[in-house]
Amino acid sequence: MAVKTTFDFDQMLSNAREAYGEELFNMANEGYDFMFTYSDNVAPSSSAGKLLKDYPERCVNFGIAEPNQVGASAGMALAGEVVFAQVFGPFLPLRAADQIHTDVAYNDVNVRLIGTHSGVTAGGGPTHNDVVDLALYRAIPNLTIVVPADANQCRKVVRASFDYEGPMVIRIDRAGSPNIYADDDYEFEFGKAIEALEGTDVTIFSCGSMLYECLMAAKEMKKDGVSVGVIDMHTIKPLDEEAIIKYSKKTGVVVTVEDHSINGGLGGAVAEVLMEEGYQGKFKRIGMPDEFAVLGTPDEVYKYYGVERTGIVKTINALMEK
């Protein structure tokens, strides 16, 4: 049975980036022992900035030097600390790729890399888009990759990550987005997908803030008698392959939706599972195309490339007509 959601209410906004900082601050107040590193002003500009005032001995600012920050965070973790390392997302995967690969993942240490402003949500154009990170992260051993869908789920991820063994990337978008889940007592488990909406004709696999657009697209298609199921793939790695196979077989029409390049992200991961399983149904990836994206606000970019509810509906209808 699908988890209870709130997607009928457009105005129920939340902000995962703020929720992450608030939850980390709450954990510090409850006695959780961890170190906190950050680059430039990413922490003071979010709720995580509260840590700087009340727990300055735990906090280290590395300025605009993300590789140094990630490398030093790995060193702290090797010394036995759990480290939350907040980085402006677009500058994490490419500038600090070597340190993520060799210092954090190879040593298999407890560093939580918090990348904010993910996807195209920074709004700064191609140089500030974070749309190739999942492709990079997926290829690095030991690295767990999580993309929370809303503020509520982000809190769960941050808190649960404290006791998780090994390195983890938590990918968070910039601004507010509607709540997905109705309450915080639903079961969350790393690597276990969530059925956000039941459907019998089409299955959408999505993650992050795109999940909301998928739910709204499903709502639109329901008016035309098409039953669309939406699956929250919040953990990109380890991937819930069992869920992918189960829901794909249920409908025979599969679409993936993500704020990431269509190359190497969630869509690629789902495709790999389906091909190895011998899937012969219909399949389509929706995401950023293989080009440097146009400049605009996130909503403008999503609409331009059809990565929002209207574009999703259009793509699904075209796929079903083939």
C-alpha atoms as a PDB file:
ATOM      1  CA  MET A   1       0.000   0.000   0.000  1.00  0.00           C
ATOM      2  CA  ALA A   2       1.247   3.456  -0.867  1.00  0.00           C
ATOM      3  CA  VAL A   3       2.437   5.771   1.890  1.00  0.00           C
ATOM      4  CA  LYS A   4       0.043   8.585   2.788  1.00  0.00           C
ATOM      5  CA  THR A   5       1.045  11.793   0.997  1.00  0.00           C
ATOM      6  CA  THR A   6      -0.038  15.414   0.950  1.00  0.00           C
ATOM      7  CA  PHE A   7       0.439  16.039  -2.733  1.00  0.00           C
ATOM      8  CA  ASP A   8      -3.053  17.386  -3.228  1.00  0.00           C
ATOM      9  CA  PHE A   9      -2.063  20.552  -1.402  1.00  0.00           C
ATOM     10  CA  ASP A  10       0.039  22.825  -3.565  1.00  0.00           C
ATOM     11  CA  GLN A  11       0.656  25.351  -0.815  1.00  0.00           C
ATOM     12  CA  MET A  12       2.219  23.056   1.756  1.00  0.00           C
ATOM     13  CA  LEU A  13       5.763  24.212   1.173  1.00  0.00           C
ATOM     14  CA  SER A  14       8.783  22.903   2.970  1.00  0.00           C
ATOM     15  CA  ASN A  15      12.506  23.475   2.656  1.00  0.00           C
ATOM     16  CA  ALA A  16      14.793  20.459   2.860  1.00  0.00           C
ATOM     17  CA  ARG A  17      17.923  22.625   3.045  1.00  0.00           C
ATOM     18  CA  GLU A  18      16.640  24.382   6.143  1.00  0.00           C
ATOM     19  CA  ALA A  19      15.295  21.141   7.598  1.00  0.00           C
ATOM     20  CA  TYR A  20      18.713  19.521   7.302  1.00  0.00           C
ATOM     21  CA  GLY A  21      20.353  22.336   9.308  1.00  0.00           C
ATOM     22  CA  GLU A  22      17.619  22.368  11.920  1.00  0.00           C
ATOM     23  CA  GLU A  23      17.846  18.630  12.423  1.00  0.00           C
ATOM     24  CA  LEU A  24      21.624  18.726  12.742  1.00  0.00           C
ATOM     25  CA  PHE A  25      21.308  21.475  15.352  1.00  0.00           C
ATOM     26  CA  ASN A  26      18.654  19.463  17.215  1.00  0.00           C
ATOM     27  CA  MET A  27      20.938  16.430  17.219  1.00  0.00           C
ATOM     28  CA  ALA A  28      23.774  18.485  18.709  1.00  0.00           C
ATOM     29  CA  ASN A  29      21.425  19.700  21.440  1.00  0.00           C
ATOM     30  CA  GLU A  30      20.422  16.086  22.155  1.00  0.00           C
ATOM     31  CA  GLY A  31      24.023  15.052  22.722  1.00  0.00           C
ATOM     32  CA  TYR A  32      24.996  13.609  19.344  1.00  0.00           C
ATOM     33  CA  ASP A  33      28.760  13.958  19.026  1.00  0.00           C
ATOM     34  CA  PHE A  34      29.975  14.959  15.549  1.00  0.00           C
ATOM     35  CA  MET A  35      32.222  17.394  13.723  1.00  0.00           C
ATOM     36  CA  PHE A  36      30.907  19.913  11.212  1.00  0.00           C
ATOM     37  CA  THR A  37      32.880  21.325   8.298  1.00  0.00           C
ATOM     38  CA  TYR A  38      31.725  23.777   5.678  1.00  0.00           C
ATOM     39  CA  SER A  39      32.970  25.870   2.805  1.00  0.00           C
ATOM     40  CA  ASP A  40      32.594  29.611   2.296  1.00  0.00           C
ATOM     41  CA  ASN A  41      29.266  30.846   3.725  1.00  0.00           C
ATOM     42  CA  VAL A  42      27.062  27.799   3.043  1.00  0.00           C
ATOM     43  CA  ALA A  43      26.471  27.135   6.736  1.00  0.00           C
ATOM     44  CA  PRO A  44      25.770  30.704   7.939  1.00  0.00           C
ATOM     45  CA  SER A  45      23.250  31.044   5.101  1.00  0.00           C
ATOM     46  CA  SER A  46      21.252  28.075   6.387  1.00  0.00           C
ATOM     47  CA  SER A  47      19.951  26.764   9.712  1.00  0.00           C
ATOM     48  CA  ALA A  48      23.191  24.850  10.139  1.00  0.00           C
ATOM     49  CA  GLY A  49      24.646  28.234  11.016  1.00  0.00           C
ATOM     50  CA  LYS A  50      23.203  27.816  14.519  1.00  0.00           C
ATOM     51  CA  LEU A  51      25.971  25.292  15.157  1.00  0.00           C
ATOM     52  CA  LEU A  52      28.596  27.979  14.658  1.00  0.00           C
ATOM     53  CA  LYS A  53      27.198  30.016  17.533  1.00  0.00           C
ATOM     54  CA  ASP A  54      26.453  27.261  20.070  1.00  0.00           C
ATOM     55  CA  TYR A  55      29.092  24.672  19.141  1.00  0.00           C
ATOM     56  CA  PRO A  56      32.048  26.570  17.647  1.00  0.00           C
ATOM     57  CA  GLU A  57      34.546  23.949  18.831  1.00  0.00           C
ATOM     58  CA  ARG A  58      32.964  21.436  16.440  1.00  0.00           C
ATOM     59  CA  CYS A  59      32.909  23.674  13.379  1.00  0.00           C
ATOM     60  CA  VAL A  60      35.636  24.329  10.792  1.00  0.00           C
ATOM     61  CA  ASN A  61      35.291  26.728   7.845  1.00  0.00           C
ATOM     62  CA  PHE A  62      37.553  25.916   4.888  1.00  0.00           C
ATOM     63  CA  GLY A  63      36.610  28.922   2.777  1.00  0.00           C
ATOM     64  CA  ILE A  64      36.440  28.373  -0.980  1.00  0.00           C
ATOM     65  CA  ALA A  65      38.573  25.228  -0.818  1.00  0.00           C
ATOM     66  CA  GLU A  66      36.229  22.271  -1.157  1.00  0.00           C
ATOM     67  CA  PRO A  67      38.961  19.691  -1.914  1.00  0.00           C
ATOM     68  CA  ASN A  68      40.767  20.661   1.279  1.00  0.00           C
ATOM     69  CA  GLN A  69      37.514  20.491   3.212  1.00  0.00           C
ATOM     70  CA  VAL A  70      36.645  17.001   1.981  1.00  0.00           C
ATOM     71  CA  GLY A  71      40.184  15.727   2.543  1.00  0.00           C
ATOM     72  CA  ALA A  72      40.336  17.126   6.077  1.00  0.00           C
ATOM     73  CA  SER A  73      36.876  15.737   6.837  1.00  0.00           C
ATOM     74  CA  ALA A  74      38.171  12.292   5.877  1.00  0.00           C
ATOM     75  CA  GLY A  75      41.095  12.808   8.252  1.00  0.00           C
ATOM     76  CA  MET A  76      38.764  13.688  11.119  1.00  0.00           C
ATOM     77  CA  ALA A  77      36.704  10.592  10.374  1.00  0.00           C
ATOM     78  CA  LEU A  78      39.843   8.428  10.369  1.00  0.00           C
ATOM     79  CA  ALA A  79      40.467   9.795  13.859  1.00  0.00           C
ATOM     80  CA  GLY A  80      37.090   8.420  14.929  1.00  0.00           C
ATOM     81  CA  GLU A  81      34.731  11.326  14.348  1.00  0.00           C
ATOM     82  CA  VAL A  82      31.414  11.310  12.490  1.00  0.00           C
ATOM     83  CA  VAL A  83      31.720  14.307  10.162  1.00  0.00           C
ATOM     84  CA  PHE A  84      28.970  16.276   8.447  1.00  0.00           C
ATOM     85  CA  ALA A  85      30.568  18.253   5.618  1.00  0.00           C
ATOM     86  CA  GLN A  86      28.309  20.848   4.015  1.00  0.00           C
ATOM     87  CA  VAL A  87      29.335  22.015   0.555  1.00  0.00           C
ATOM     88  CA  PHE A  88      27.694  24.175  -2.093  1.00  0.00           C
ATOM     89  CA  GLY A  89      26.563  21.210  -4.187  1.00  0.00           C
ATOM     90  CA  PRO A  90      27.712  22.283  -7.661  1.00  0.00           C
ATOM     91  CA  PHE A  91      31.275  22.627  -6.364  1.00  0.00           C
ATOM     92  CA  LEU A  92      31.398  19.271  -4.595  1.00  0.00           C
ATOM     93  CA  PRO A  93      31.511  16.503  -7.230  1.00  0.00           C
ATOM     94  CA  LEU A  94      33.889  18.050  -9.749  1.00  0.00           C
ATOM     95  CA  ARG A  95      36.267  20.114  -7.624  1.00  0.00           C
ATOM     96  CA  ALA A  96      36.615  17.541  -4.875  1.00  0.00           C
ATOM     97  CA  ALA A  97      36.251  14.379  -6.968  1.00  0.00           C
ATOM     98  CA  ASP A  98      39.699  13.053  -6.052  1.00  0.00           C
ATOM     99  CA  GLN A  99      39.176  13.625  -2.334  1.00  0.00           C
ATOM    100  CA  ILE A 100      35.714  12.016  -2.436  1.00  0.00           C
ATOM    101  CA  HIS A 101      37.134   9.016  -4.280  1.00  0.00           C
ATOM    102  CA  THR A 102      40.436   8.493  -2.496  1.00  0.00           C
ATOM    103  CA  ASP A 103      40.197  10.154   0.915  1.00  0.00           C
ATOM    104  CA  VAL A 104      36.572   9.448   1.801  1.00  0.00           C
ATOM    105  CA  ALA A 105      35.365   6.430  -0.180  1.00  0.00           C
ATOM    106  CA  TYR A 106      38.615   4.449  -0.392  1.00  0.00           C
ATOM    107  CA  ASN A 107      39.106   4.799   3.359  1.00  0.00           C
ATOM    108  CA  ASP A 108      35.426   3.944   3.855  1.00  0.00           C
ATOM    109  CA  VAL A 109      35.021   6.534   6.614  1.00  0.00           C
ATOM    110  CA  ASN A 110      31.986   8.128   8.248  1.00  0.00           C
ATOM    111  CA  VAL A 111      31.779  11.376   6.330  1.00  0.00           C
ATOM    112  CA  ARG A 112      28.339  12.706   5.313  1.00  0.00           C
ATOM    113  CA  LEU A 113      28.830  14.963   2.324  1.00  0.00           C
ATOM    114  CA  ILE A 114      25.906  17.409   2.314  1.00  0.00           C
ATOM    115  CA  GLY A 115      25.568  18.906  -1.170  1.00  0.00           C
ATOM    116  CA  THR A 116      23.005  21.713  -1.310  1.00  0.00           C
ATOM    117  CA  HIS A 117      21.692  23.584  -4.396  1.00  0.00           C
ATOM    118  CA  SER A 118      21.518  20.305  -6.324  1.00  0.00           C
ATOM    119  CA  GLY A 119      20.373  19.862  -9.899  1.00  0.00           C
ATOM    120  CA  VAL A 120      19.579  23.196 -11.534  1.00  0.00           C
ATOM    121  CA  THR A 121      18.195  24.740  -8.342  1.00  0.00           C
ATOM    122  CA  ALA A 122      21.157  27.101  -7.838  1.00  0.00           C
ATOM    123  CA  GLY A 123      19.825  29.039 -10.836  1.00  0.00           C
ATOM    124  CA  GLY A 124      23.303  30.125 -11.924  1.00  0.00           C
ATOM    125  CA  GLY A 125      23.448  28.446 -15.301  1.00  0.00           C
ATOM    126  CA  PRO A 126      25.736  25.649 -16.531  1.00  0.00           C
ATOM    127  CA  THR A 127      28.684  26.565 -14.267  1.00  0.00           C
ATOM    128  CA  HIS A 128      26.437  26.298 -11.207  1.00  0.00           C
ATOM    129  CA  ASN A 129      24.308  23.349 -12.270  1.00  0.00           C
ATOM    130  CA  ASP A 130      24.834  20.133 -10.348  1.00  0.00           C
ATOM    131  CA  VAL A 131      23.597  17.617 -12.905  1.00  0.00           C
ATOM    132  CA  VAL A 132      26.495  15.213 -13.367  1.00  0.00           C
ATOM    133  CA  ASP A 133      27.130  14.384  -9.723  1.00  0.00           C
ATOM    134  CA  LEU A 134      25.048  11.220  -9.494  1.00  0.00           C
ATOM    135  CA  ALA A 135      26.867   9.748 -12.480  1.00  0.00           C
ATOM    136  CA  LEU A 136      30.196  10.360 -10.739  1.00  0.00           C
ATOM    137  CA  TYR A 137      29.088   9.192  -7.298  1.00  0.00           C
ATOM    138  CA  ARG A 138      27.526   5.993  -8.611  1.00  0.00           C
ATOM    139  CA  ALA A 139      30.866   4.808  -9.953  1.00  0.00           C
ATOM    140  CA  ILE A 140      32.694   5.256  -6.635  1.00  0.00           C
ATOM    141  CA  PRO A 141      32.748   2.168  -4.383  1.00  0.00           C
ATOM    142  CA  ASN A 142      31.571   2.339  -0.755  1.00  0.00           C
ATOM    143  CA  LEU A 143      29.607   5.552  -1.376  1.00  0.00           C
ATOM    144  CA  THR A 144      25.929   5.616  -0.374  1.00  0.00           C
ATOM    145  CA  ILE A 145      23.867   8.214  -2.260  1.00  0.00           C
ATOM    146  CA  VAL A 146      20.613   9.638  -0.882  1.00  0.00           C
ATOM    147  CA  VAL A 147      18.275  12.240  -2.412  1.00  0.00           C
ATOM    148  CA  PRO A 148      15.512  13.293   0.028  1.00  0.00           C
ATOM    149  CA  ALA A 149      12.156  14.215  -1.505  1.00  0.00           C
ATOM    150  CA  ASP A 150      11.071  16.814   1.048  1.00  0.00           C
ATOM    151  CA  ALA A 151      11.974  18.439   4.361  1.00  0.00           C
ATOM    152  CA  ASN A 152      10.358  15.696   6.400  1.00  0.00           C
ATOM    153  CA  GLN A 153      12.328  12.985   4.681  1.00  0.00           C
ATOM    154  CA  CYS A 154      15.511  15.060   4.818  1.00  0.00           C
ATOM    155  CA  ARG A 155      15.286  15.167   8.613  1.00  0.00           C
ATOM    156  CA  LYS A 156      14.945  11.393   8.688  1.00  0.00           C
ATOM    157  CA  VAL A 157      17.952  10.949   6.419  1.00  0.00           C
ATOM    158  CA  VAL A 158      20.224  13.245   8.442  1.00  0.00           C
ATOM    159  CA  ARG A 159      19.321  11.641  11.757  1.00  0.00           C
ATOM    160  CA  ALA A 160      19.554   8.067  10.448  1.00  0.00           C
ATOM    161  CA  SER A 161      22.893   8.804   8.791  1.00  0.00           C
ATOM    162  CA  PHE A 162      24.591   9.306  12.156  1.00  0.00           C
ATOM    163  CA  ASP A 163      24.595   5.572  12.906  1.00  0.00           C
ATOM    164  CA  TYR A 164      25.182   4.499   9.304  1.00  0.00           C
ATOM    165  CA  GLU A 165      28.551   2.874   8.681  1.00  0.00           C
ATOM    166  CA  GLY A 166      30.535   4.271   5.763  1.00  0.00           C
ATOM    167  CA  PRO A 167      30.536   7.405   3.622  1.00  0.00           C
ATOM    168  CA  MET A 168      27.354   8.987   2.340  1.00  0.00           C
ATOM    169  CA  VAL A 169      26.320  11.781   0.000  1.00  0.00           C
ATOM    170  CA  ILE A 170      23.058  13.584   0.838  1.00  0.00           C
ATOM    171  CA  ARG A 171      21.843  15.614  -2.142  1.00  0.00           C
ATOM    172  CA  ILE A 172      19.535  18.533  -1.289  1.00  0.00           C
ATOM    173  CA  ASP A 173      17.944  21.155  -3.519  1.00  0.00           C
ATOM    174  CA  ARG A 174      18.091  24.871  -2.828  1.00  0.00           C
ATOM    175  CA  ALA A 175      14.662  26.227  -2.183  1.00  0.00           C
ATOM    176  CA  GLY A 176      11.308  25.311  -0.780  1.00  0.00           C
ATOM    177  CA  SER A 177       9.247  22.594  -2.385  1.00  0.00           C
ATOM    178  CA  PRO A 178       5.915  21.093  -1.448  1.00  0.00           C
ATOM    179  CA  ASN A 179       5.746  18.420   1.210  1.00  0.00           C
ATOM    180  CA  ILE A 180       5.340  14.908  -0.092  1.00  0.00           C
ATOM    181  CA  TYR A 181       4.707  12.876   3.012  1.00  0.00           C
ATOM    182  CA  ALA A 182       1.828  13.496   5.380  1.00  0.00           C
ATOM    183  CA  ASP A 183       3.616  12.680   8.599  1.00  0.00           C
ATOM    184  CA  ASP A 184       6.942  11.566   9.931  1.00  0.00           C
ATOM    185  CA  ASP A 185       5.955   8.175  11.278  1.00  0.00           C
ATOM    186  CA  TYR A 186       6.255   6.321   7.982  1.00  0.00           C
ATOM    187  CA  GLU A 187       9.046   3.803   7.753  1.00  0.00           C
ATOM    188  CA  PHE A 188      12.264   4.992   6.154  1.00  0.00           C
ATOM    189  CA  GLU A 189      15.166   2.693   5.359  1.00  0.00           C
ATOM    190  CA  PHE A 190      18.268   3.413   3.302  1.00  0.00           C
ATOM    191  CA  GLY A 191      18.100   1.415   0.077  1.00  0.00           C
ATOM    192  CA  LYS A 192      14.377   0.687   0.394  1.00  0.00           C
ATOM    193  CA  ALA A 193      12.132   2.461  -2.127  1.00  0.00           C
ATOM    194  CA  ILE A 194       8.765   3.924  -1.094  1.00  0.00           C
ATOM    195  CA  GLU A 195       5.544   3.542  -3.051  1.00  0.00           C
ATOM    196  CA  ALA A 196       4.269   7.134  -2.945  1.00  0.00           C
ATOM    197  CA  LEU A 197       1.291   6.410  -5.233  1.00  0.00           C
ATOM    198  CA  GLU A 198      -0.203   3.168  -6.441  1.00  0.00           C
ATOM    199  CA  GLY A 199      -0.765   2.714 -10.170  1.00  0.00           C
ATOM    200  CA  THR A 200      -1.546  -0.023 -12.661  1.00  0.00           C
ATOM    201  CA  ASP A 201      -0.824   1.490 -16.102  1.00  0.00           C
ATOM    202  CA  VAL A 202       2.470   3.382 -15.744  1.00  0.00           C
ATOM    203  CA  THR A 203       5.305   3.392 -13.222  1.00  0.00           C
ATOM    204  CA  ILE A 204       7.418   6.482 -12.552  1.00  0.00           C
ATOM    205  CA  PHE A 205      10.670   6.132 -10.638  1.00  0.00           C
ATOM    206  CA  SER A 206      11.869   9.465  -9.290  1.00  0.00           C
ATOM    207  CA  CYS A 207      13.708  11.142  -6.431  1.00  0.00           C
ATOM    208  CA  GLY A 208      14.197  14.495  -4.735  1.00  0.00           C
ATOM    209  CA  SER A 209      11.908  17.422  -5.440  1.00  0.00           C
ATOM    210  CA  MET A 210      10.975  15.930  -8.825  1.00  0.00           C
ATOM    211  CA  LEU A 211       8.849  13.406  -6.965  1.00  0.00           C
ATOM    212  CA  TYR A 212       6.245  16.091  -6.370  1.00  0.00           C
ATOM    213  CA  GLU A 213       6.021  16.919 -10.079  1.00  0.00           C
ATOM    214  CA  CYS A 214       5.540  13.217 -10.791  1.00  0.00           C
ATOM    215  CA  LEU A 215       2.667  13.029  -8.320  1.00  0.00           C
ATOM    216  CA  MET A 216       1.039  16.042  -9.919  1.00  0.00           C
ATOM    217  CA  ALA A 217       1.513  14.511 -13.369  1.00  0.00           C
ATOM    218  CA  ALA A 218      -0.140  11.324 -12.100  1.00  0.00           C
ATOM    219  CA  LYS A 219      -3.016  13.396 -10.784  1.00  0.00           C
ATOM    220  CA  GLU A 220      -3.492  14.976 -14.218  1.00  0.00           C
ATOM    221  CA  MET A 221      -3.398  11.630 -16.007  1.00  0.00           C
ATOM    222  CA  LYS A 222      -5.933  10.162 -13.628  1.00  0.00           C
ATOM    223  CA  LYS A 223      -8.488  12.572 -15.133  1.00  0.00           C
ATOM    224  CA  ASP A 224      -8.004  10.752 -18.434  1.00  0.00           C
ATOM    225  CA  GLY A 225      -8.338   7.342 -16.840  1.00  0.00           C
ATOM    226  CA  VAL A 226      -4.624   6.505 -16.740  1.00  0.00           C
ATOM    227  CA  SER A 227      -3.408   4.994 -13.469  1.00  0.00           C
ATOM    228  CA  VAL A 228       0.161   6.109 -12.717  1.00  0.00           C
ATOM    229  CA  GLY A 229       2.231   4.701  -9.871  1.00  0.00           C
ATOM    230  CA  VAL A 230       5.031   6.828  -8.393  1.00  0.00           C
ATOM    231  CA  ILE A 231       7.969   5.238  -6.603  1.00  0.00           C
ATOM    232  CA  ASP A 232      10.324   7.275  -4.426  1.00  0.00           C
ATOM    233  CA  MET A 233      13.865   6.053  -5.134  1.00  0.00           C
ATOM    234  CA  HIS A 234      15.399   8.185  -2.390  1.00  0.00           C
ATOM    235  CA  THR A 235      18.503   5.993  -2.234  1.00  0.00           C
ATOM    236  CA  ILE A 236      20.315   5.922  -5.562  1.00  0.00           C
ATOM    237  CA  LYS A 237      22.989   3.624  -4.186  1.00  0.00           C
ATOM    238  CA  PRO A 238      22.464   0.947  -2.954  1.00  0.00           C
ATOM    239  CA  LEU A 239      19.551   0.815  -5.375  1.00  0.00           C
ATOM    240  CA  ASP A 240      16.360  -1.078  -4.534  1.00  0.00           C
ATOM    241  CA  GLU A 241      16.512  -3.406  -7.543  1.00  0.00           C
ATOM    242  CA  GLU A 242      13.719  -5.587  -6.203  1.00  0.00           C
ATOM    243  CA  ALA A 243      11.313  -2.626  -6.248  1.00  0.00           C
ATOM    244  CA  ILE A 244      12.341  -1.662  -9.779  1.00  0.00           C
ATOM    245  CA  ILE A 245      11.645  -5.147 -11.092  1.00  0.00           C
ATOM    246  CA  LYS A 246       8.406  -5.511  -9.136  1.00  0.00           C
ATOM    247  CA  TYR A 247       6.772  -2.256 -10.243  1.00  0.00           C
ATOM    248  CA  SER A 248       8.071  -2.447 -13.805  1.00  0.00           C
ATOM    249  CA  LYS A 249       6.478  -5.843 -14.294  1.00  0.00           C
ATOM    250  CA  LYS A 250       3.251  -4.517 -12.785  1.00  0.00           C
ATOM    251  CA  THR A 251       2.697  -1.879 -15.481  1.00  0.00           C
ATOM    252  CA  GLY A 252       5.009  -2.566 -18.436  1.00  0.00           C
ATOM    253  CA  VAL A 253       5.458   1.177 -18.983  1.00  0.00           C
ATOM    254  CA  VAL A 254       8.338   2.773 -17.054  1.00  0.00           C
ATOM    255  CA  VAL A 255       9.498   6.389 -16.875  1.00  0.00           C
ATOM    256  CA  THR A 256      12.281   7.883 -14.757  1.00  0.00           C
ATOM    257  CA  VAL A 257      12.284  11.562 -13.741  1.00  0.00           C
ATOM    258  CA  GLU A 258      15.189  13.413 -12.140  1.00  0.00           C
ATOM    259  CA  ASP A 259      16.876  16.804 -11.846  1.00  0.00           C
ATOM    260  CA  HIS A 260      20.086  15.410 -13.322  1.00  0.00           C
ATOM    261  CA  SER A 261      21.554  14.606 -16.714  1.00  0.00           C
ATOM    262  CA  ILE A 262      19.833  11.668 -18.381  1.00  0.00           C
ATOM    263  CA  ASN A 263      23.322  10.143 -18.533  1.00  0.00           C
ATOM    264  CA  GLY A 264      24.348   8.111 -15.536  1.00  0.00           C
ATOM    265  CA  GLY A 265      21.792   9.204 -12.952  1.00  0.00           C
ATOM    266  CA  LEU A 266      18.687   7.479 -11.626  1.00  0.00           C
ATOM    267  CA  GLY A 267      17.418   6.791 -15.154  1.00  0.00           C
ATOM    268  CA  GLY A 268      20.630   5.068 -16.114  1.00  0.00           C
ATOM    269  CA  ALA A 269      20.630   3.024 -12.924  1.00  0.00           C
ATOM    270  CA  VAL A 270      17.043   1.864 -13.480  1.00  0.00           C
ATOM    271  CA  ALA A 271      17.777   1.045 -17.123  1.00  0.00           C
ATOM    272  CA  GLU A 272      20.728  -1.141 -16.123  1.00  0.00           C
ATOM    273  CA  VAL A 273      18.548  -3.132 -13.743  1.00  0.00           C
ATOM    274  CA  LEU A 274      15.770  -3.550 -16.290  1.00  0.00           C
ATOM    275  CA  MET A 275      18.064  -4.660 -19.113  1.00  0.00           C
ATOM    276  CA  GLU A 276      19.832  -7.212 -16.941  1.00  0.00           C
ATOM    277  CA  GLU A 277      16.415  -8.522 -15.885  1.00  0.00           C
ATOM    278  CA  GLY A 278      15.323  -8.914 -19.518  1.00  0.00           C
ATOM    279  CA  TYR A 279      12.600  -6.260 -19.302  1.00  0.00           C
ATOM    280  CA  GLN A 280      10.790  -5.842 -22.621  1.00  0.00           C
ATOM    281  CA  GLY A 281       8.276  -3.127 -21.804  1.00  0.00           C
ATOM    282  CA  LYS A 282       8.298   0.571 -22.656  1.00  0.00           C
ATOM    283  CA  PHE A 283      10.905   2.823 -21.049  1.00  0.00           C
ATOM    284  CA  LYS A 284      11.853   6.503 -21.134  1.00  0.00           C
ATOM    285  CA  ARG A 285      14.255   8.720 -19.142  1.00  0.00           C
ATOM    286  CA  ILE A 286      13.237  12.309 -18.321  1.00  0.00           C
ATOM    287  CA  GLY A 287      15.962  14.672 -17.142  1.00  0.00           C
ATOM    288  CA  MET A 288      18.457  17.200 -18.402  1.00  0.00           C
ATOM    289  CA  PRO A 289      19.595  16.404 -21.959  1.00  0.00           C
ATOM    290  CA  ASP A 290      23.208  15.823 -22.940  1.00  0.00           C
ATOM    291  CA  GLU A 291      24.028  19.517 -23.305  1.00  0.00           C
ATOM    292  CA  PHE A 292      24.882  22.532 -21.140  1.00  0.00           C
ATOM    293  CA  ALA A 293      21.455  23.694 -20.014  1.00  0.00           C
ATOM    294  CA  VAL A 294      19.878  27.028 -20.855  1.00  0.00           C
ATOM    295  CA  LEU A 295      20.106  29.795 -18.253  1.00  0.00           C
ATOM    296  CA  GLY A 296      16.999  30.445 -16.157  1.00  0.00           C
ATOM    297  CA  THR A 297      15.217  29.859 -12.900  1.00  0.00           C
ATOM    298  CA  PRO A 298      14.685  26.212 -11.988  1.00  0.00           C
ATOM    299  CA  ASP A 299      11.027  26.375 -13.039  1.00  0.00           C
ATOM    300  CA  GLU A 300      11.980  27.906 -16.380  1.00  0.00           C
ATOM    301  CA  VAL A 301      14.624  25.266 -17.018  1.00  0.00           C
ATOM    302  CA  TYR A 302      12.316  22.422 -16.004  1.00  0.00           C
ATOM    303  CA  LYS A 303       9.603  23.684 -18.333  1.00  0.00           C
ATOM    304  CA  TYR A 304      12.055  24.210 -21.211  1.00  0.00           C
ATOM    305  CA  TYR A 305      13.207  20.596 -20.997  1.00  0.00           C
ATOM    306  CA  GLY A 306       9.851  19.083 -20.017  1.00  0.00           C
ATOM    307  CA  VAL A 307      11.005  17.992 -16.555  1.00  0.00           C
ATOM    308  CA  GLU A 308       7.822  19.135 -14.825  1.00  0.00           C
ATOM    309  CA  ARG A 309       4.265  17.890 -14.629  1.00  0.00           C
ATOM    310  CA  THR A 310       3.141  19.028 -18.083  1.00  0.00           C
ATOM    311  CA  GLY A 311       6.254  17.708 -19.767  1.00  0.00           C
ATOM    312  CA  ILE A 312       6.035  14.440 -17.869  1.00  0.00           C
ATOM    313  CA  VAL A 313       2.416  13.929 -18.958  1.00  0.00           C
ATOM    314  CA  LYS A 314       3.324  14.703 -22.567  1.00  0.00           C
ATOM    315  CA  THR A 315       6.224  12.253 -22.550  1.00  0.00           C
ATOM    316  CA  ILE A 316       4.185   9.474 -20.973  1.00  0.00           C
ATOM    317  CA  ASN A 317       1.331   9.917 -23.437  1.00  0.00           C
ATOM    318  CA  ALA A 318       3.768   9.755 -26.346  1.00  0.00           C
ATOM    319  CA  LEU A 319       5.395   6.655 -24.903  1.00  0.00           C
ATOM    320  CA  MET A 320       2.077   4.880 -24.426  1.00  0.00           C
ATOM    321  CA  GLU A 321       1.053   5.607 -28.036  1.00  0.00           C
ATOM    322  CA  LYS A 322       4.133   3.864 -29.451  1.00  0.00           C
END
